[in-house]
N, C-alpha and C. Protein backbone atom coordinates (compact mmCIF):
# COMPACT_ATOMS: atom_id res chain seq x y z
N PRO A 1 0.79 -1.22 0.00
CA PRO A 1 0.00 0.00 0.00
C PRO A 1 0.83 1.28 0.00
N THR A 2 2.18 1.17 0.07
CA THR A 2 3.03 2.36 0.02
C THR A 2 4.11 2.16 -1.03
N CYS A 3 4.73 3.28 -1.44
CA CYS A 3 5.88 3.17 -2.33
C CYS A 3 7.09 2.77 -1.49
N VAL A 4 8.23 2.58 -2.12
CA VAL A 4 9.43 2.14 -1.40
C VAL A 4 9.92 3.17 -0.39
N HIS A 5 9.44 4.41 -0.51
CA HIS A 5 9.86 5.46 0.42
C HIS A 5 8.85 5.68 1.54
N GLY A 6 7.82 4.81 1.60
CA GLY A 6 6.86 4.87 2.69
C GLY A 6 5.68 5.79 2.48
N ASN A 7 5.51 6.31 1.27
CA ASN A 7 4.41 7.22 0.99
C ASN A 7 3.22 6.48 0.38
N PRO A 8 2.01 6.98 0.64
CA PRO A 8 0.83 6.35 0.06
C PRO A 8 0.91 6.38 -1.47
N ILE A 9 0.49 5.29 -2.09
CA ILE A 9 0.46 5.23 -3.55
C ILE A 9 -0.81 5.94 -4.01
N PRO A 10 -0.66 6.94 -4.90
CA PRO A 10 -1.84 7.66 -5.38
C PRO A 10 -2.87 6.70 -5.98
N GLY A 11 -4.11 6.88 -5.60
CA GLY A 11 -5.21 6.07 -6.13
C GLY A 11 -5.40 4.75 -5.40
N SER A 12 -4.54 4.44 -4.45
CA SER A 12 -4.66 3.19 -3.71
C SER A 12 -5.83 3.29 -2.73
N SER A 13 -6.59 2.23 -2.63
CA SER A 13 -7.73 2.24 -1.71
C SER A 13 -7.30 1.83 -0.30
N ASN A 14 -6.07 1.35 -0.15
CA ASN A 14 -5.57 0.95 1.17
C ASN A 14 -5.08 2.16 1.94
N LYS A 15 -5.47 2.24 3.20
CA LYS A 15 -5.01 3.33 4.06
C LYS A 15 -3.63 2.98 4.62
N VAL A 16 -2.79 3.99 4.72
CA VAL A 16 -1.47 3.82 5.31
C VAL A 16 -1.54 4.32 6.74
N ASP A 17 -1.05 3.50 7.68
CA ASP A 17 -1.09 3.88 9.09
C ASP A 17 0.06 4.84 9.39
N LEU A 18 -0.28 6.11 9.55
CA LEU A 18 0.72 7.12 9.86
C LEU A 18 0.67 7.52 11.34
N LYS A 19 -0.18 6.84 12.11
CA LYS A 19 -0.27 7.13 13.54
C LYS A 19 1.04 6.78 14.23
N GLY A 20 1.45 7.61 15.15
CA GLY A 20 2.67 7.36 15.89
C GLY A 20 3.93 7.83 15.20
N LEU A 21 3.80 8.33 13.97
CA LEU A 21 4.97 8.85 13.27
C LEU A 21 5.22 10.29 13.68
N ARG A 22 6.48 10.67 13.67
CA ARG A 22 6.83 12.07 13.95
C ARG A 22 8.04 12.42 13.11
N PRO A 23 8.20 13.70 12.81
CA PRO A 23 9.39 14.08 12.03
C PRO A 23 10.65 13.85 12.85
N LEU A 24 11.69 13.43 12.20
CA LEU A 24 12.97 13.21 12.87
C LEU A 24 13.42 14.49 13.57
N GLU A 25 13.05 15.62 13.02
CA GLU A 25 13.38 16.93 13.60
C GLU A 25 12.91 17.05 15.05
N ASP A 26 11.85 16.33 15.42
CA ASP A 26 11.29 16.42 16.77
C ASP A 26 11.84 15.38 17.75
N VAL A 27 12.76 14.53 17.29
CA VAL A 27 13.28 13.46 18.14
C VAL A 27 14.48 13.97 18.94
N PRO A 28 14.44 13.86 20.26
CA PRO A 28 15.56 14.32 21.09
C PRO A 28 16.73 13.34 21.04
N PRO A 29 17.89 13.78 21.54
CA PRO A 29 19.07 12.90 21.56
C PRO A 29 18.84 11.64 22.39
N ARG A 30 19.62 10.63 22.04
CA ARG A 30 19.63 9.34 22.71
C ARG A 30 18.32 8.57 22.58
N ARG A 31 17.63 8.79 21.50
CA ARG A 31 16.41 8.04 21.22
C ARG A 31 16.63 7.18 19.98
N ARG A 32 16.12 5.96 20.05
CA ARG A 32 16.22 5.03 18.93
C ARG A 32 14.91 5.06 18.16
N VAL A 33 15.01 5.12 16.84
CA VAL A 33 13.83 5.21 15.99
C VAL A 33 13.99 4.32 14.76
N ARG A 34 12.87 4.09 14.08
CA ARG A 34 12.87 3.38 12.80
C ARG A 34 12.33 4.33 11.74
N LEU A 35 13.06 4.48 10.67
CA LEU A 35 12.62 5.34 9.57
C LEU A 35 11.47 4.67 8.84
N GLU A 36 10.35 5.38 8.75
CA GLU A 36 9.16 4.83 8.10
C GLU A 36 8.86 5.50 6.76
N ARG A 37 9.26 6.78 6.63
CA ARG A 37 8.79 7.50 5.46
C ARG A 37 9.69 8.68 5.13
N LEU A 38 9.95 8.88 3.83
CA LEU A 38 10.63 10.06 3.30
C LEU A 38 9.56 10.85 2.56
N THR A 39 9.46 12.14 2.79
CA THR A 39 8.41 12.91 2.11
C THR A 39 8.65 12.94 0.60
N GLU A 40 7.57 13.20 -0.12
CA GLU A 40 7.63 13.25 -1.58
C GLU A 40 8.61 14.30 -2.07
N ASP A 41 8.76 15.40 -1.34
CA ASP A 41 9.70 16.45 -1.75
C ASP A 41 11.11 15.90 -1.89
N LEU A 42 11.50 15.02 -1.00
CA LEU A 42 12.85 14.46 -1.04
C LEU A 42 13.03 13.49 -2.21
N GLU A 43 11.96 12.81 -2.59
CA GLU A 43 12.04 11.84 -3.68
C GLU A 43 12.47 12.48 -5.00
N LEU A 44 12.26 13.78 -5.11
CA LEU A 44 12.57 14.49 -6.36
C LEU A 44 14.03 14.91 -6.45
N ASP A 45 14.78 14.80 -5.37
CA ASP A 45 16.17 15.23 -5.34
C ASP A 45 17.09 14.02 -5.40
N LEU A 46 17.63 13.76 -6.56
CA LEU A 46 18.46 12.57 -6.78
C LEU A 46 19.69 12.56 -5.88
N GLN A 47 20.31 13.72 -5.68
CA GLN A 47 21.50 13.78 -4.82
C GLN A 47 21.16 13.40 -3.38
N VAL A 48 20.04 13.88 -2.88
CA VAL A 48 19.61 13.54 -1.52
C VAL A 48 19.28 12.06 -1.42
N MET A 49 18.56 11.53 -2.40
CA MET A 49 18.20 10.12 -2.38
C MET A 49 19.44 9.24 -2.43
N ARG A 50 20.44 9.63 -3.20
CA ARG A 50 21.70 8.87 -3.26
C ARG A 50 22.40 8.91 -1.89
N PHE A 51 22.41 10.09 -1.25
CA PHE A 51 23.00 10.23 0.08
C PHE A 51 22.31 9.29 1.07
N PHE A 52 20.98 9.27 1.05
CA PHE A 52 20.24 8.39 1.97
C PHE A 52 20.57 6.93 1.72
N GLU A 53 20.64 6.54 0.47
CA GLU A 53 20.95 5.15 0.16
C GLU A 53 22.36 4.79 0.62
N GLU A 54 23.32 5.67 0.38
CA GLU A 54 24.72 5.41 0.75
C GLU A 54 24.91 5.35 2.27
N THR A 55 24.10 6.10 3.02
CA THR A 55 24.26 6.13 4.47
C THR A 55 23.34 5.16 5.19
N GLY A 56 22.46 4.49 4.45
CA GLY A 56 21.55 3.52 5.07
C GLY A 56 20.27 4.13 5.59
N LEU A 57 19.98 5.38 5.23
CA LEU A 57 18.73 6.03 5.66
C LEU A 57 17.61 5.68 4.68
N THR A 58 17.14 4.45 4.80
CA THR A 58 16.04 3.98 3.95
C THR A 58 14.94 3.46 4.86
N PRO A 59 13.70 3.49 4.41
CA PRO A 59 12.60 3.00 5.24
C PRO A 59 12.89 1.60 5.79
N GLY A 60 12.65 1.47 7.09
CA GLY A 60 12.92 0.22 7.78
C GLY A 60 14.21 0.27 8.59
N ALA A 61 15.09 1.22 8.29
CA ALA A 61 16.36 1.33 9.02
C ALA A 61 16.10 1.82 10.44
N GLU A 62 16.80 1.22 11.39
CA GLU A 62 16.74 1.66 12.78
C GLU A 62 18.05 2.34 13.11
N PHE A 63 17.95 3.43 13.87
CA PHE A 63 19.14 4.18 14.24
C PHE A 63 18.86 5.01 15.48
N GLU A 64 19.92 5.57 16.04
CA GLU A 64 19.80 6.41 17.23
C GLU A 64 20.16 7.84 16.87
N VAL A 65 19.42 8.79 17.44
CA VAL A 65 19.81 10.19 17.35
C VAL A 65 20.86 10.37 18.44
N ALA A 66 22.12 10.45 18.03
CA ALA A 66 23.22 10.51 18.99
C ALA A 66 23.31 11.88 19.66
N SER A 67 23.13 12.93 18.87
CA SER A 67 23.21 14.28 19.44
C SER A 67 22.51 15.28 18.52
N VAL A 68 22.22 16.46 19.10
CA VAL A 68 21.61 17.55 18.34
C VAL A 68 22.43 18.81 18.62
N ALA A 69 22.97 19.41 17.56
CA ALA A 69 23.76 20.63 17.70
C ALA A 69 22.85 21.84 17.89
N PRO A 70 23.38 22.95 18.38
CA PRO A 70 22.56 24.16 18.56
C PRO A 70 21.85 24.63 17.30
N ASP A 71 22.43 24.38 16.12
CA ASP A 71 21.78 24.80 14.88
C ASP A 71 20.75 23.78 14.37
N GLY A 72 20.51 22.71 15.14
CA GLY A 72 19.52 21.70 14.77
C GLY A 72 20.08 20.52 14.01
N THR A 73 21.37 20.57 13.66
CA THR A 73 21.97 19.44 12.96
C THR A 73 21.96 18.23 13.89
N ARG A 74 21.48 17.11 13.37
CA ARG A 74 21.43 15.88 14.14
C ARG A 74 22.56 14.96 13.70
N THR A 75 23.18 14.33 14.68
CA THR A 75 24.16 13.28 14.40
C THR A 75 23.45 11.97 14.68
N LEU A 76 23.39 11.13 13.66
CA LEU A 76 22.71 9.84 13.76
C LEU A 76 23.75 8.73 13.83
N GLU A 77 23.46 7.71 14.59
CA GLU A 77 24.29 6.51 14.67
C GLU A 77 23.56 5.42 13.91
N ILE A 78 24.09 5.08 12.72
CA ILE A 78 23.45 4.10 11.84
C ILE A 78 24.44 2.97 11.57
N ASP A 79 24.14 1.80 12.07
CA ASP A 79 25.01 0.63 11.86
C ASP A 79 26.47 0.92 12.18
N GLY A 80 26.71 1.58 13.32
CA GLY A 80 28.07 1.85 13.75
C GLY A 80 28.73 3.06 13.08
N ARG A 81 28.01 3.73 12.19
CA ARG A 81 28.55 4.92 11.53
C ARG A 81 27.81 6.16 12.00
N ARG A 82 28.48 7.27 12.02
CA ARG A 82 27.85 8.54 12.37
C ARG A 82 27.57 9.33 11.11
N VAL A 83 26.35 9.86 11.03
CA VAL A 83 25.91 10.63 9.87
C VAL A 83 25.29 11.93 10.36
N GLY A 84 25.73 13.06 9.79
CA GLY A 84 25.15 14.36 10.13
C GLY A 84 23.99 14.68 9.20
N LEU A 85 22.94 15.26 9.78
CA LEU A 85 21.75 15.59 9.01
C LEU A 85 21.21 16.94 9.46
N GLY A 86 21.10 17.88 8.52
CA GLY A 86 20.60 19.21 8.84
C GLY A 86 19.10 19.25 9.02
N HIS A 87 18.63 20.41 9.47
CA HIS A 87 17.21 20.62 9.78
C HIS A 87 16.28 20.28 8.61
N GLN A 88 16.59 20.78 7.42
CA GLN A 88 15.67 20.60 6.29
C GLN A 88 15.45 19.12 5.97
N LEU A 89 16.49 18.33 6.01
CA LEU A 89 16.33 16.90 5.72
C LEU A 89 15.65 16.19 6.89
N ALA A 90 16.05 16.51 8.12
CA ALA A 90 15.47 15.86 9.29
C ALA A 90 13.97 16.12 9.40
N ASP A 91 13.53 17.27 8.94
CA ASP A 91 12.12 17.63 9.01
C ASP A 91 11.28 16.87 7.98
N ASN A 92 11.94 16.25 7.00
CA ASN A 92 11.23 15.52 5.94
C ASN A 92 11.36 14.01 6.07
N LEU A 93 11.91 13.55 7.19
CA LEU A 93 11.99 12.12 7.48
C LEU A 93 11.04 11.82 8.63
N TRP A 94 10.18 10.84 8.45
CA TRP A 94 9.19 10.49 9.47
C TRP A 94 9.56 9.15 10.08
N VAL A 95 9.61 9.13 11.40
CA VAL A 95 10.11 7.97 12.14
C VAL A 95 9.10 7.52 13.18
N ARG A 96 9.34 6.31 13.68
CA ARG A 96 8.54 5.74 14.76
C ARG A 96 9.52 5.33 15.87
N PRO A 97 9.23 5.69 17.12
CA PRO A 97 10.11 5.29 18.23
C PRO A 97 10.22 3.76 18.30
N VAL A 98 11.40 3.31 18.67
CA VAL A 98 11.67 1.87 18.85
C VAL A 98 11.90 1.65 20.32
N SER A 99 11.18 0.71 20.90
CA SER A 99 11.39 0.41 22.32
C SER A 99 12.65 -0.43 22.46
N THR A 100 13.42 -0.13 23.48
CA THR A 100 14.68 -0.85 23.67
C THR A 100 14.60 -1.84 24.79
C-alpha cells in the first residue's frame, strides 16, 4: 500500500497507518527510531536520495539520534557509523520510536 519510500500510492484504496509517526526533527538525543517514510519532496532530489541510500537512511532502518547541535543538525548513529543531518532533511523524514 506504500511506495518504497513509505508514501501512500496515489489512487490506492488501502489506508497507510501514519499514527505514531513524527518528524525526525522532533526526536531528542539518545532516542532510537525506525525510519518509516521520506516525504515526496525528497524523492525528487536525486542527490539527496543517493546520500540516503549510501548512508543507510532507507525505510525500515533503525538508528539512534546521537546528538543535536545548537543549529539543529542531528548526528545519527546508523550501523556503527555517524551521519550528520541538517534541519531541512530531518524535518522531511518520518520515524517511529523503537522500544529498547
